[in-house]
Amino acid sequence: MTIFELPGPIGGVEDDSELMLVRQRLLALDPEGKRFARILRDTIDQLLDGEHTGRFDWNDLHKTEKTHAGTLVEINLLREFGFDSGIDMDYLIEGIEVDCKFSQKLHGWMIPPEALDEICLVIWADDHRGLWSAGLLRADRARLTTSGTVTKKGNRDGKFRLTKDHHVLVNWLWHMAPLEENLLLHIDKATQTAILTAGSGSKRSPGQARVNELFRRVQRRRVSRTVIRSLAQQKDYMKRVRYNGGARDKLRNEGILICGDYPNHQAVAEQLGLPVPLEGENVSVRVVEAKPHHGELPSVILEGRRWVEAGLDDRPEQAPLLPETNKKVSTTD
């Protein structure tokens, strides 16, 4: 996942030396926004708690859980970057007080009276859209007027909301950057239903049935540990992927390989032209032994034979075993 920093300060706040210092520090700590993106992904997954609840959709959270998201984002960023706690605000960055605000709606941040005239780190993430943003805002008391149903004294709890005219006040660090995909949320409904209902009515390893169905139906896509955890719903959830009774065993007769994040598994995935699984990820594919009609398809040598990704007309063949973790993968006979 690549995240692009916006080119230069935005919002006409170049003359705000404190805001610029905080901006420079944050970009020095996280030049591409990768750490911010990971914290937001992890925080959403922490709230969903798929291992214990099976949930993967933000809309399934209780109202109180959604409200708690802001606190978790604040705490998780504090731990990740080692910020000092502020005296009046959440953080002390470059000796400057900074308040952290998270909203499930872009520009929906609520600014309390004590944060007026202070710098706010404003963050938004939307799991359904797969996007996130983070920026800095000087909560200027003179400019943050209120409108609509909110009086000049603020709303009932004394907080101020940004109106459309105030959006330009945000100095974006990263805007509309990609959030790591929530796979179960973004696959088509029919596939999602087939996976979630696999093994239903069976008292024996419904979690294993769901994981099997996932790798059977969702091929050539990276599958994170979080997805496996939500489907397996057990402490040793990766057991449901491995050989010795896991999906690698269960799907072998269907010709399905499941490449993990071991270097030699990554090599197999690369040679077959698949997305290479990153740390904690797996990628599945159905393979067959190479035949003349496969032409110049990407291939890999396993068990002394050449294998390619199966086509729709290729009958299932038992897949080869993936190499042991310390064994090199060959591209030649």
C-alpha atoms as a PDB file:
ATOM      1  CA  MET A   1       0.000   0.000   0.000  1.00  0.00           C
ATOM      2  CA  THR A   2       1.418   3.367  -1.040  1.00  0.00           C
ATOM      3  CA  ILE A   3       0.399   6.567   0.704  1.00  0.00           C
ATOM      4  CA  PHE A   4       1.126   9.948  -0.832  1.00  0.00           C
ATOM      5  CA  GLU A   5       1.860  13.012   1.247  1.00  0.00           C
ATOM      6  CA  LEU A   6       0.118  16.161   0.047  1.00  0.00           C
ATOM      7  CA  PRO A   7       2.514  18.632  -1.609  1.00  0.00           C
ATOM      8  CA  GLY A   8       3.261  21.332   0.936  1.00  0.00           C
ATOM      9  CA  PRO A   9       1.179  23.105   3.574  1.00  0.00           C
ATOM     10  CA  ILE A  10      -2.476  23.754   2.794  1.00  0.00           C
ATOM     11  CA  GLY A  11      -5.017  26.131   4.240  1.00  0.00           C
ATOM     12  CA  GLY A  12      -3.008  29.353   4.419  1.00  0.00           C
ATOM     13  CA  VAL A  13      -1.396  28.533   7.767  1.00  0.00           C
ATOM     14  CA  GLU A  14       2.270  28.740   6.754  1.00  0.00           C
ATOM     15  CA  ASP A  15       2.594  31.648   9.189  1.00  0.00           C
ATOM     16  CA  ASP A  16       1.523  29.427  12.128  1.00  0.00           C
ATOM     17  CA  SER A  17       4.987  28.463  13.330  1.00  0.00           C
ATOM     18  CA  GLU A  18       3.737  26.070  16.028  1.00  0.00           C
ATOM     19  CA  LEU A  19       1.512  24.191  13.602  1.00  0.00           C
ATOM     20  CA  MET A  20       4.367  23.945  11.118  1.00  0.00           C
ATOM     21  CA  LEU A  21       6.676  22.544  13.810  1.00  0.00           C
ATOM     22  CA  VAL A  22       4.144  19.865  14.722  1.00  0.00           C
ATOM     23  CA  ARG A  23       3.620  19.091  11.030  1.00  0.00           C
ATOM     24  CA  GLN A  24       7.345  18.687  10.427  1.00  0.00           C
ATOM     25  CA  ARG A  25       7.712  16.419  13.457  1.00  0.00           C
ATOM     26  CA  LEU A  26       4.855  14.143  12.412  1.00  0.00           C
ATOM     27  CA  LEU A  27       6.178  13.850   8.865  1.00  0.00           C
ATOM     28  CA  ALA A  28       9.659  13.101  10.213  1.00  0.00           C
ATOM     29  CA  LEU A  29       8.231  10.300  12.358  1.00  0.00           C
ATOM     30  CA  ASP A  30       6.075   8.877   9.573  1.00  0.00           C
ATOM     31  CA  PRO A  31       7.130  10.201   6.138  1.00  0.00           C
ATOM     32  CA  GLU A  32       4.678   8.087   4.122  1.00  0.00           C
ATOM     33  CA  GLY A  33       1.872   7.760   6.661  1.00  0.00           C
ATOM     34  CA  LYS A  34       2.328   4.003   6.887  1.00  0.00           C
ATOM     35  CA  ARG A  35       2.400   3.969  10.690  1.00  0.00           C
ATOM     36  CA  PHE A  36      -0.714   6.120  10.931  1.00  0.00           C
ATOM     37  CA  ALA A  37      -2.514   3.835   8.460  1.00  0.00           C
ATOM     38  CA  ARG A  38      -1.539   0.713  10.405  1.00  0.00           C
ATOM     39  CA  ILE A  39      -2.690   2.184  13.717  1.00  0.00           C
ATOM     40  CA  LEU A  40      -6.079   3.084  12.226  1.00  0.00           C
ATOM     41  CA  ARG A  41      -6.464  -0.405  10.733  1.00  0.00           C
ATOM     42  CA  ASP A  42      -5.470  -2.040  14.020  1.00  0.00           C
ATOM     43  CA  THR A  43      -7.784   0.210  16.046  1.00  0.00           C
ATOM     44  CA  ILE A  44     -10.799  -0.607  13.890  1.00  0.00           C
ATOM     45  CA  ASP A  45      -9.979  -4.316  14.136  1.00  0.00           C
ATOM     46  CA  GLN A  46      -9.529  -3.954  17.902  1.00  0.00           C
ATOM     47  CA  LEU A  47     -13.049  -2.541  18.175  1.00  0.00           C
ATOM     48  CA  LEU A  48     -14.544  -5.206  15.911  1.00  0.00           C
ATOM     49  CA  ASP A  49     -12.825  -7.937  18.006  1.00  0.00           C
ATOM     50  CA  GLY A  50     -13.462 -10.551  15.319  1.00  0.00           C
ATOM     51  CA  GLU A  51     -11.850 -13.377  17.295  1.00  0.00           C
ATOM     52  CA  HIS A  52     -14.560 -13.200  19.937  1.00  0.00           C
ATOM     53  CA  THR A  53     -17.475 -11.679  18.025  1.00  0.00           C
ATOM     54  CA  GLY A  54     -17.027 -12.692  14.375  1.00  0.00           C
ATOM     55  CA  ARG A  55     -17.750  -9.068  13.409  1.00  0.00           C
ATOM     56  CA  PHE A  56     -16.066  -7.362  10.470  1.00  0.00           C
ATOM     57  CA  ASP A  57     -18.456  -4.476   9.726  1.00  0.00           C
ATOM     58  CA  TRP A  58     -18.187  -1.106  11.495  1.00  0.00           C
ATOM     59  CA  ASN A  59     -21.976  -0.813  11.287  1.00  0.00           C
ATOM     60  CA  ASP A  60     -22.305  -3.811  13.625  1.00  0.00           C
ATOM     61  CA  LEU A  61     -20.584  -1.967  16.468  1.00  0.00           C
ATOM     62  CA  HIS A  62     -22.646  -0.653  19.347  1.00  0.00           C
ATOM     63  CA  LYS A  63     -22.964   3.101  19.683  1.00  0.00           C
ATOM     64  CA  THR A  64     -20.790   3.124  22.790  1.00  0.00           C
ATOM     65  CA  GLU A  65     -18.064   1.186  20.943  1.00  0.00           C
ATOM     66  CA  LYS A  66     -18.068   3.709  18.097  1.00  0.00           C
ATOM     67  CA  THR A  67     -17.840   6.527  20.622  1.00  0.00           C
ATOM     68  CA  HIS A  68     -14.838   4.781  22.209  1.00  0.00           C
ATOM     69  CA  ALA A  69     -12.990   4.764  18.863  1.00  0.00           C
ATOM     70  CA  GLY A  70     -11.620   8.264  19.408  1.00  0.00           C
ATOM     71  CA  THR A  71     -10.089   7.318  22.755  1.00  0.00           C
ATOM     72  CA  LEU A  72      -8.475   4.197  21.274  1.00  0.00           C
ATOM     73  CA  VAL A  73      -7.026   6.117  18.322  1.00  0.00           C
ATOM     74  CA  GLU A  74      -5.583   8.681  20.737  1.00  0.00           C
ATOM     75  CA  ILE A  75      -4.028   6.013  22.994  1.00  0.00           C
ATOM     76  CA  ASN A  76      -2.700   3.846  20.161  1.00  0.00           C
ATOM     77  CA  LEU A  77      -1.024   6.813  18.446  1.00  0.00           C
ATOM     78  CA  LEU A  78       0.489   7.851  21.779  1.00  0.00           C
ATOM     79  CA  ARG A  79       2.018   4.396  22.211  1.00  0.00           C
ATOM     80  CA  GLU A  80       3.157   4.072  18.606  1.00  0.00           C
ATOM     81  CA  PHE A  81       4.987   7.395  18.418  1.00  0.00           C
ATOM     82  CA  GLY A  82       5.953   7.790  22.069  1.00  0.00           C
ATOM     83  CA  PHE A  83       4.418  11.244  22.378  1.00  0.00           C
ATOM     84  CA  ASP A  84       4.532  12.919  25.765  1.00  0.00           C
ATOM     85  CA  SER A  85       1.148  13.520  27.344  1.00  0.00           C
ATOM     86  CA  GLY A  86       0.085  17.142  27.279  1.00  0.00           C
ATOM     87  CA  ILE A  87      -0.781  19.192  30.323  1.00  0.00           C
ATOM     88  CA  ASP A  88      -4.120  20.407  29.004  1.00  0.00           C
ATOM     89  CA  MET A  89      -4.332  18.573  25.670  1.00  0.00           C
ATOM     90  CA  ASP A  90      -3.683  14.951  24.674  1.00  0.00           C
ATOM     91  CA  TYR A  91      -0.106  15.261  23.409  1.00  0.00           C
ATOM     92  CA  LEU A  92       2.974  17.385  23.769  1.00  0.00           C
ATOM     93  CA  ILE A  93       4.763  17.463  20.390  1.00  0.00           C
ATOM     94  CA  GLU A  94       7.872  19.636  20.054  1.00  0.00           C
ATOM     95  CA  GLY A  95       6.800  21.191  23.349  1.00  0.00           C
ATOM     96  CA  ILE A  96       3.461  22.201  21.815  1.00  0.00           C
ATOM     97  CA  GLU A  97       0.066  21.113  23.169  1.00  0.00           C
ATOM     98  CA  VAL A  98      -1.902  19.082  20.600  1.00  0.00           C
ATOM     99  CA  ASP A  99      -5.396  17.646  20.981  1.00  0.00           C
ATOM    100  CA  CYS A 100      -6.311  14.439  19.097  1.00  0.00           C
ATOM    101  CA  LYS A 101      -9.730  14.273  17.449  1.00  0.00           C
ATOM    102  CA  PHE A 102     -11.137  11.279  15.549  1.00  0.00           C
ATOM    103  CA  SER A 103     -14.400  11.282  13.627  1.00  0.00           C
ATOM    104  CA  GLN A 104     -16.262   8.628  11.679  1.00  0.00           C
ATOM    105  CA  LYS A 105     -17.408  11.434   9.374  1.00  0.00           C
ATOM    106  CA  LEU A 106     -14.982  13.580   7.413  1.00  0.00           C
ATOM    107  CA  HIS A 107     -14.899  17.092   8.925  1.00  0.00           C
ATOM    108  CA  GLY A 108     -17.185  15.873  11.708  1.00  0.00           C
ATOM    109  CA  TRP A 109     -14.759  16.621  14.537  1.00  0.00           C
ATOM    110  CA  MET A 110     -16.210  18.156  17.686  1.00  0.00           C
ATOM    111  CA  ILE A 111     -14.008  20.831  19.231  1.00  0.00           C
ATOM    112  CA  PRO A 112     -14.487  21.384  22.988  1.00  0.00           C
ATOM    113  CA  PRO A 113     -14.111  24.884  24.461  1.00  0.00           C
ATOM    114  CA  GLU A 114     -10.800  23.961  26.150  1.00  0.00           C
ATOM    115  CA  ALA A 115      -9.301  23.142  22.736  1.00  0.00           C
ATOM    116  CA  LEU A 116     -10.195  26.503  21.174  1.00  0.00           C
ATOM    117  CA  ASP A 117      -7.084  28.306  19.920  1.00  0.00           C
ATOM    118  CA  GLU A 118      -5.091  25.078  20.310  1.00  0.00           C
ATOM    119  CA  ILE A 119      -3.720  22.779  17.604  1.00  0.00           C
ATOM    120  CA  CYS A 120      -5.831  19.704  16.883  1.00  0.00           C
ATOM    121  CA  LEU A 121      -4.642  16.561  15.129  1.00  0.00           C
ATOM    122  CA  VAL A 122      -7.834  15.669  13.237  1.00  0.00           C
ATOM    123  CA  ILE A 123      -8.236  12.113  11.921  1.00  0.00           C
ATOM    124  CA  TRP A 124     -10.916  10.357   9.889  1.00  0.00           C
ATOM    125  CA  ALA A 125     -11.237   6.776   8.636  1.00  0.00           C
ATOM    126  CA  ASP A 126     -14.001   4.975   6.756  1.00  0.00           C
ATOM    127  CA  ASP A 127     -13.691   1.190   6.519  1.00  0.00           C
ATOM    128  CA  HIS A 128     -16.471   0.929   3.932  1.00  0.00           C
ATOM    129  CA  ARG A 129     -14.749   3.406   1.615  1.00  0.00           C
ATOM    130  CA  GLY A 130     -11.285   2.080   2.506  1.00  0.00           C
ATOM    131  CA  LEU A 131      -9.920   5.592   3.046  1.00  0.00           C
ATOM    132  CA  TRP A 132      -8.428   7.711   5.811  1.00  0.00           C
ATOM    133  CA  SER A 133      -7.169  11.246   6.356  1.00  0.00           C
ATOM    134  CA  ALA A 134      -5.149  13.089   8.980  1.00  0.00           C
ATOM    135  CA  GLY A 135      -4.392  16.776   9.275  1.00  0.00           C
ATOM    136  CA  LEU A 136      -3.726  19.654  11.624  1.00  0.00           C
ATOM    137  CA  LEU A 137      -6.166  22.367  12.565  1.00  0.00           C
ATOM    138  CA  ARG A 138      -5.728  25.514  14.598  1.00  0.00           C
ATOM    139  CA  ALA A 139      -9.074  25.742  16.392  1.00  0.00           C
ATOM    140  CA  ASP A 140      -9.199  29.501  15.888  1.00  0.00           C
ATOM    141  CA  ARG A 141     -11.775  30.958  18.277  1.00  0.00           C
ATOM    142  CA  ALA A 142     -12.303  33.956  15.992  1.00  0.00           C
ATOM    143  CA  ARG A 143     -12.947  31.847  12.888  1.00  0.00           C
ATOM    144  CA  LEU A 144     -14.743  28.818  14.311  1.00  0.00           C
ATOM    145  CA  THR A 145     -18.180  30.350  14.386  1.00  0.00           C
ATOM    146  CA  THR A 146     -21.151  28.015  14.585  1.00  0.00           C
ATOM    147  CA  SER A 147     -24.185  27.719  12.375  1.00  0.00           C
ATOM    148  CA  GLY A 148     -27.430  25.827  11.792  1.00  0.00           C
ATOM    149  CA  THR A 149     -28.895  24.234  14.901  1.00  0.00           C
ATOM    150  CA  VAL A 150     -25.816  25.059  16.943  1.00  0.00           C
ATOM    151  CA  THR A 151     -25.816  28.381  18.794  1.00  0.00           C
ATOM    152  CA  LYS A 152     -22.864  30.703  19.268  1.00  0.00           C
ATOM    153  CA  LYS A 153     -22.398  29.148  22.689  1.00  0.00           C
ATOM    154  CA  GLY A 154     -21.878  25.758  21.099  1.00  0.00           C
ATOM    155  CA  ASN A 155     -24.147  22.749  21.323  1.00  0.00           C
ATOM    156  CA  ARG A 156     -25.524  21.152  24.475  1.00  0.00           C
ATOM    157  CA  ASP A 157     -22.143  19.846  25.643  1.00  0.00           C
ATOM    158  CA  GLY A 158     -20.362  23.056  24.685  1.00  0.00           C
ATOM    159  CA  LYS A 159     -18.516  21.676  21.640  1.00  0.00           C
ATOM    160  CA  PHE A 160     -18.062  23.338  18.267  1.00  0.00           C
ATOM    161  CA  ARG A 161     -18.431  21.639  14.888  1.00  0.00           C
ATOM    162  CA  LEU A 162     -16.675  22.608  11.662  1.00  0.00           C
ATOM    163  CA  THR A 163     -19.015  24.001   9.029  1.00  0.00           C
ATOM    164  CA  LYS A 164     -18.323  23.727   5.301  1.00  0.00           C
ATOM    165  CA  ASP A 165     -16.642  27.136   5.327  1.00  0.00           C
ATOM    166  CA  HIS A 166     -14.159  25.865   7.923  1.00  0.00           C
ATOM    167  CA  HIS A 167     -12.894  22.886   5.894  1.00  0.00           C
ATOM    168  CA  VAL A 168     -10.107  24.991   4.404  1.00  0.00           C
ATOM    169  CA  LEU A 169      -8.662  25.447   7.900  1.00  0.00           C
ATOM    170  CA  VAL A 170      -7.416  21.838   7.908  1.00  0.00           C
ATOM    171  CA  ASN A 171      -3.760  21.478   6.968  1.00  0.00           C
ATOM    172  CA  TRP A 172      -3.691  17.937   5.575  1.00  0.00           C
ATOM    173  CA  LEU A 173      -0.823  15.591   6.280  1.00  0.00           C
ATOM    174  CA  TRP A 174      -2.446  12.821   4.244  1.00  0.00           C
ATOM    175  CA  HIS A 175      -5.846  13.079   2.606  1.00  0.00           C
ATOM    176  CA  MET A 176      -8.014  10.290   1.152  1.00  0.00           C
ATOM    177  CA  ALA A 177      -5.192   7.784   1.577  1.00  0.00           C
ATOM    178  CA  PRO A 178      -5.935   4.052   1.194  1.00  0.00           C
ATOM    179  CA  LEU A 179      -6.798   2.091   4.322  1.00  0.00           C
ATOM    180  CA  GLU A 180      -5.721  -1.553   4.355  1.00  0.00           C
ATOM    181  CA  GLU A 181      -8.593  -3.521   2.868  1.00  0.00           C
ATOM    182  CA  ASN A 182     -11.143  -5.178   5.120  1.00  0.00           C
ATOM    183  CA  LEU A 183     -11.492  -8.237   2.888  1.00  0.00           C
ATOM    184  CA  LEU A 184     -14.694  -9.689   4.330  1.00  0.00           C
ATOM    185  CA  LEU A 185     -16.378  -6.312   4.035  1.00  0.00           C
ATOM    186  CA  HIS A 186     -15.441  -5.762   0.398  1.00  0.00           C
ATOM    187  CA  ILE A 187     -16.015  -9.137  -1.276  1.00  0.00           C
ATOM    188  CA  ASP A 188     -19.305  -9.595  -3.111  1.00  0.00           C
ATOM    189  CA  LYS A 189     -22.345 -10.489  -1.036  1.00  0.00           C
ATOM    190  CA  ALA A 190     -22.802 -13.998  -2.445  1.00  0.00           C
ATOM    191  CA  THR A 191     -19.206 -14.947  -1.674  1.00  0.00           C
ATOM    192  CA  GLN A 192     -19.420 -13.358   1.756  1.00  0.00           C
ATOM    193  CA  THR A 193     -22.586 -15.325   2.581  1.00  0.00           C
ATOM    194  CA  ALA A 194     -21.105 -18.608   1.351  1.00  0.00           C
ATOM    195  CA  ILE A 195     -18.061 -18.132   3.575  1.00  0.00           C
ATOM    196  CA  LEU A 196     -19.973 -17.082   6.675  1.00  0.00           C
ATOM    197  CA  THR A 197     -22.513 -19.900   6.429  1.00  0.00           C
ATOM    198  CA  ALA A 198     -19.994 -22.657   5.672  1.00  0.00           C
ATOM    199  CA  GLY A 199     -20.171 -25.306   8.369  1.00  0.00           C
ATOM    200  CA  SER A 200     -23.356 -23.865   9.853  1.00  0.00           C
ATOM    201  CA  GLY A 201     -25.384 -26.562  11.544  1.00  0.00           C
ATOM    202  CA  SER A 202     -22.241 -28.604  12.150  1.00  0.00           C
ATOM    203  CA  LYS A 203     -20.884 -28.866  15.656  1.00  0.00           C
ATOM    204  CA  ARG A 204     -17.504 -29.946  14.352  1.00  0.00           C
ATOM    205  CA  SER A 205     -15.091 -27.126  13.465  1.00  0.00           C
ATOM    206  CA  PRO A 206     -17.387 -24.576  11.807  1.00  0.00           C
ATOM    207  CA  GLY A 207     -14.433 -22.193  11.984  1.00  0.00           C
ATOM    208  CA  GLN A 208     -12.358 -24.574   9.859  1.00  0.00           C
ATOM    209  CA  ALA A 209     -15.184 -24.799   7.318  1.00  0.00           C
ATOM    210  CA  ARG A 210     -15.334 -21.010   7.046  1.00  0.00           C
ATOM    211  CA  VAL A 211     -11.568 -20.708   6.572  1.00  0.00           C
ATOM    212  CA  ASN A 212     -11.628 -23.467   3.920  1.00  0.00           C
ATOM    213  CA  GLU A 213     -14.422 -21.706   2.054  1.00  0.00           C
ATOM    214  CA  LEU A 214     -12.526 -18.425   2.203  1.00  0.00           C
ATOM    215  CA  PHE A 215      -9.446 -19.828   0.469  1.00  0.00           C
ATOM    216  CA  ARG A 216     -11.609 -21.819  -1.940  1.00  0.00           C
ATOM    217  CA  ARG A 217     -13.591 -18.793  -3.096  1.00  0.00           C
ATOM    218  CA  VAL A 218     -11.214 -15.862  -2.598  1.00  0.00           C
ATOM    219  CA  GLN A 219      -8.101 -16.599  -4.608  1.00  0.00           C
ATOM    220  CA  ARG A 220      -5.268 -14.363  -5.824  1.00  0.00           C
ATOM    221  CA  ARG A 221      -5.945 -11.887  -2.992  1.00  0.00           C
ATOM    222  CA  ARG A 222      -3.965 -11.237   0.158  1.00  0.00           C
ATOM    223  CA  VAL A 223      -5.756 -12.511   3.269  1.00  0.00           C
ATOM    224  CA  SER A 224      -4.660 -11.029   6.584  1.00  0.00           C
ATOM    225  CA  ARG A 225      -4.484 -12.712   9.981  1.00  0.00           C
ATOM    226  CA  THR A 226      -7.417 -10.554  11.081  1.00  0.00           C
ATOM    227  CA  VAL A 227      -9.675 -12.217   8.504  1.00  0.00           C
ATOM    228  CA  ILE A 228      -8.609 -15.689   9.662  1.00  0.00           C
ATOM    229  CA  ARG A 229      -9.138 -14.709  13.294  1.00  0.00           C
ATOM    230  CA  SER A 230     -12.671 -13.463  12.595  1.00  0.00           C
ATOM    231  CA  LEU A 231     -13.634 -16.660  10.767  1.00  0.00           C
ATOM    232  CA  ALA A 232     -11.861 -19.215  12.981  1.00  0.00           C
ATOM    233  CA  GLN A 233     -12.864 -17.548  16.272  1.00  0.00           C
ATOM    234  CA  GLN A 234     -10.323 -19.393  18.366  1.00  0.00           C
ATOM    235  CA  LYS A 235      -7.086 -18.579  20.153  1.00  0.00           C
ATOM    236  CA  ASP A 236      -4.741 -20.496  17.810  1.00  0.00           C
ATOM    237  CA  TYR A 237      -6.586 -19.289  14.704  1.00  0.00           C
ATOM    238  CA  MET A 238      -3.632 -19.777  12.317  1.00  0.00           C
ATOM    239  CA  LYS A 239      -3.904 -23.499  13.000  1.00  0.00           C
ATOM    240  CA  ARG A 240      -6.870 -23.388  10.602  1.00  0.00           C
ATOM    241  CA  VAL A 241      -4.518 -22.449   7.738  1.00  0.00           C
ATOM    242  CA  ARG A 242      -1.553 -24.769   8.278  1.00  0.00           C
ATOM    243  CA  TYR A 243      -0.887 -28.325   7.177  1.00  0.00           C
ATOM    244  CA  ASN A 244      -1.716 -31.031   9.748  1.00  0.00           C
ATOM    245  CA  GLY A 245      -5.462 -30.572   9.476  1.00  0.00           C
ATOM    246  CA  GLY A 246      -5.760 -26.947   8.368  1.00  0.00           C
ATOM    247  CA  ALA A 247      -6.897 -25.497   5.054  1.00  0.00           C
ATOM    248  CA  ARG A 248      -3.621 -26.385   3.310  1.00  0.00           C
ATOM    249  CA  ASP A 249      -4.463 -30.041   3.959  1.00  0.00           C
ATOM    250  CA  LYS A 250      -8.217 -29.795   3.453  1.00  0.00           C
ATOM    251  CA  LEU A 251      -8.003 -28.078   0.057  1.00  0.00           C
ATOM    252  CA  ARG A 252      -5.027 -29.955  -1.352  1.00  0.00           C
ATOM    253  CA  ASN A 253      -7.180 -32.502  -3.194  1.00  0.00           C
ATOM    254  CA  GLU A 254      -8.920 -29.606  -4.939  1.00  0.00           C
ATOM    255  CA  GLY A 255      -5.553 -28.417  -6.221  1.00  0.00           C
ATOM    256  CA  ILE A 256      -5.424 -25.338  -4.015  1.00  0.00           C
ATOM    257  CA  LEU A 257      -2.126 -23.979  -2.706  1.00  0.00           C
ATOM    258  CA  ILE A 258      -2.074 -21.475   0.154  1.00  0.00           C
ATOM    259  CA  CYS A 259       1.148 -19.478   0.194  1.00  0.00           C
ATOM    260  CA  GLY A 260       2.073 -17.818   3.472  1.00  0.00           C
ATOM    261  CA  ASP A 261       4.624 -15.164   4.409  1.00  0.00           C
ATOM    262  CA  TYR A 262       7.606 -17.552   4.608  1.00  0.00           C
ATOM    263  CA  PRO A 263      10.307 -16.499   2.108  1.00  0.00           C
ATOM    264  CA  ASN A 264       9.988 -19.713   0.097  1.00  0.00           C
ATOM    265  CA  HIS A 265       6.181 -19.425   0.011  1.00  0.00           C
ATOM    266  CA  GLN A 266       6.584 -15.850  -1.181  1.00  0.00           C
ATOM    267  CA  ALA A 267       8.895 -17.138  -3.915  1.00  0.00           C
ATOM    268  CA  VAL A 268       6.217 -19.614  -5.053  1.00  0.00           C
ATOM    269  CA  ALA A 269       3.611 -16.851  -5.163  1.00  0.00           C
ATOM    270  CA  GLU A 270       5.922 -14.551  -7.128  1.00  0.00           C
ATOM    271  CA  GLN A 271       6.821 -17.230  -9.668  1.00  0.00           C
ATOM    272  CA  LEU A 272       3.140 -18.021 -10.221  1.00  0.00           C
ATOM    273  CA  GLY A 273       2.394 -14.346 -10.807  1.00  0.00           C
ATOM    274  CA  LEU A 274       0.338 -13.950  -7.622  1.00  0.00           C
ATOM    275  CA  PRO A 275       0.239 -11.055  -5.169  1.00  0.00           C
ATOM    276  CA  VAL A 276       3.118 -11.818  -2.805  1.00  0.00           C
ATOM    277  CA  PRO A 277       1.833 -12.302   0.767  1.00  0.00           C
ATOM    278  CA  LEU A 278       3.291  -9.815   3.223  1.00  0.00           C
ATOM    279  CA  GLU A 279       3.798 -10.377   6.949  1.00  0.00           C
ATOM    280  CA  GLY A 280       0.825 -12.235   8.424  1.00  0.00           C
ATOM    281  CA  GLU A 281      -0.827 -12.763   5.040  1.00  0.00           C
ATOM    282  CA  ASN A 282      -1.749 -15.753   2.879  1.00  0.00           C
ATOM    283  CA  VAL A 283      -2.697 -16.039  -0.803  1.00  0.00           C
ATOM    284  CA  SER A 284      -4.462 -19.045  -2.348  1.00  0.00           C
ATOM    285  CA  VAL A 285      -4.521 -20.302  -5.931  1.00  0.00           C
ATOM    286  CA  ARG A 286      -5.650 -23.482  -7.722  1.00  0.00           C
ATOM    287  CA  VAL A 287      -2.804 -25.115  -9.635  1.00  0.00           C
ATOM    288  CA  VAL A 288      -2.334 -27.964 -12.122  1.00  0.00           C
ATOM    289  CA  GLU A 289       0.715 -29.594 -13.616  1.00  0.00           C
ATOM    290  CA  ALA A 290       1.784 -27.617 -16.696  1.00  0.00           C
ATOM    291  CA  LYS A 291       0.576 -28.991 -20.035  1.00  0.00           C
ATOM    292  CA  PRO A 292       1.173 -27.858 -23.634  1.00  0.00           C
ATOM    293  CA  HIS A 293      -2.010 -25.765 -23.756  1.00  0.00           C
ATOM    294  CA  HIS A 294      -0.788 -23.664 -20.828  1.00  0.00           C
ATOM    295  CA  GLY A 295       1.869 -22.125 -23.056  1.00  0.00           C
ATOM    296  CA  GLU A 296       4.100 -19.603 -21.335  1.00  0.00           C
ATOM    297  CA  LEU A 297       2.079 -19.161 -18.141  1.00  0.00           C
ATOM    298  CA  PRO A 298       4.153 -18.283 -15.046  1.00  0.00           C
ATOM    299  CA  SER A 299       5.242 -21.522 -13.402  1.00  0.00           C
ATOM    300  CA  VAL A 300       7.075 -22.999 -10.456  1.00  0.00           C
ATOM    301  CA  ILE A 301       8.880 -26.296  -9.865  1.00  0.00           C
ATOM    302  CA  LEU A 302       7.516 -28.212  -6.876  1.00  0.00           C
ATOM    303  CA  GLU A 303       8.090 -31.908  -6.148  1.00  0.00           C
ATOM    304  CA  GLY A 304      10.124 -32.098  -9.358  1.00  0.00           C
ATOM    305  CA  ARG A 305       7.213 -31.041 -11.590  1.00  0.00           C
ATOM    306  CA  ARG A 306       6.223 -27.760 -13.207  1.00  0.00           C
ATOM    307  CA  TRP A 307       2.996 -26.193 -11.948  1.00  0.00           C
ATOM    308  CA  VAL A 308       0.867 -23.326 -13.271  1.00  0.00           C
ATOM    309  CA  GLU A 309      -2.313 -21.613 -12.184  1.00  0.00           C
ATOM    310  CA  ALA A 310      -5.291 -23.706 -13.285  1.00  0.00           C
ATOM    311  CA  GLY A 311      -7.702 -22.436 -15.903  1.00  0.00           C
ATOM    312  CA  LEU A 312     -11.473 -22.799 -15.770  1.00  0.00           C
ATOM    313  CA  ASP A 313     -11.320 -25.879 -18.013  1.00  0.00           C
ATOM    314  CA  ASP A 314      -8.568 -27.635 -16.068  1.00  0.00           C
ATOM    315  CA  ARG A 315      -9.789 -30.543 -13.967  1.00  0.00           C
ATOM    316  CA  PRO A 316      -8.737 -30.571 -10.302  1.00  0.00           C
ATOM    317  CA  GLU A 317      -5.435 -32.264  -9.495  1.00  0.00           C
ATOM    318  CA  GLN A 318      -3.911 -32.827  -6.089  1.00  0.00           C
ATOM    319  CA  ALA A 319      -1.721 -29.845  -5.331  1.00  0.00           C
ATOM    320  CA  PRO A 320       1.946 -30.371  -4.462  1.00  0.00           C
ATOM    321  CA  LEU A 321       3.179 -29.731  -0.976  1.00  0.00           C
ATOM    322  CA  LEU A 322       4.671 -26.323  -0.453  1.00  0.00           C
ATOM    323  CA  PRO A 323       8.409 -26.394   0.349  1.00  0.00           C
ATOM    324  CA  GLU A 324       9.622 -26.444   3.902  1.00  0.00           C
ATOM    325  CA  THR A 325      10.509 -23.051   5.317  1.00  0.00           C
ATOM    326  CA  ASN A 326      14.270 -23.526   4.829  1.00  0.00           C
ATOM    327  CA  LYS A 327      14.140 -25.119   1.378  1.00  0.00           C
ATOM    328  CA  LYS A 328      14.850 -23.116  -1.768  1.00  0.00           C
ATOM    329  CA  VAL A 329      12.288 -22.947  -4.575  1.00  0.00           C
ATOM    330  CA  SER A 330      13.487 -23.835  -8.060  1.00  0.00           C
ATOM    331  CA  THR A 331      12.391 -22.280 -11.350  1.00  0.00           C
ATOM    332  CA  THR A 332      14.099 -24.919 -13.483  1.00  0.00           C
ATOM    333  CA  ASP A 333      13.986 -28.711 -13.696  1.00  0.00           C
END
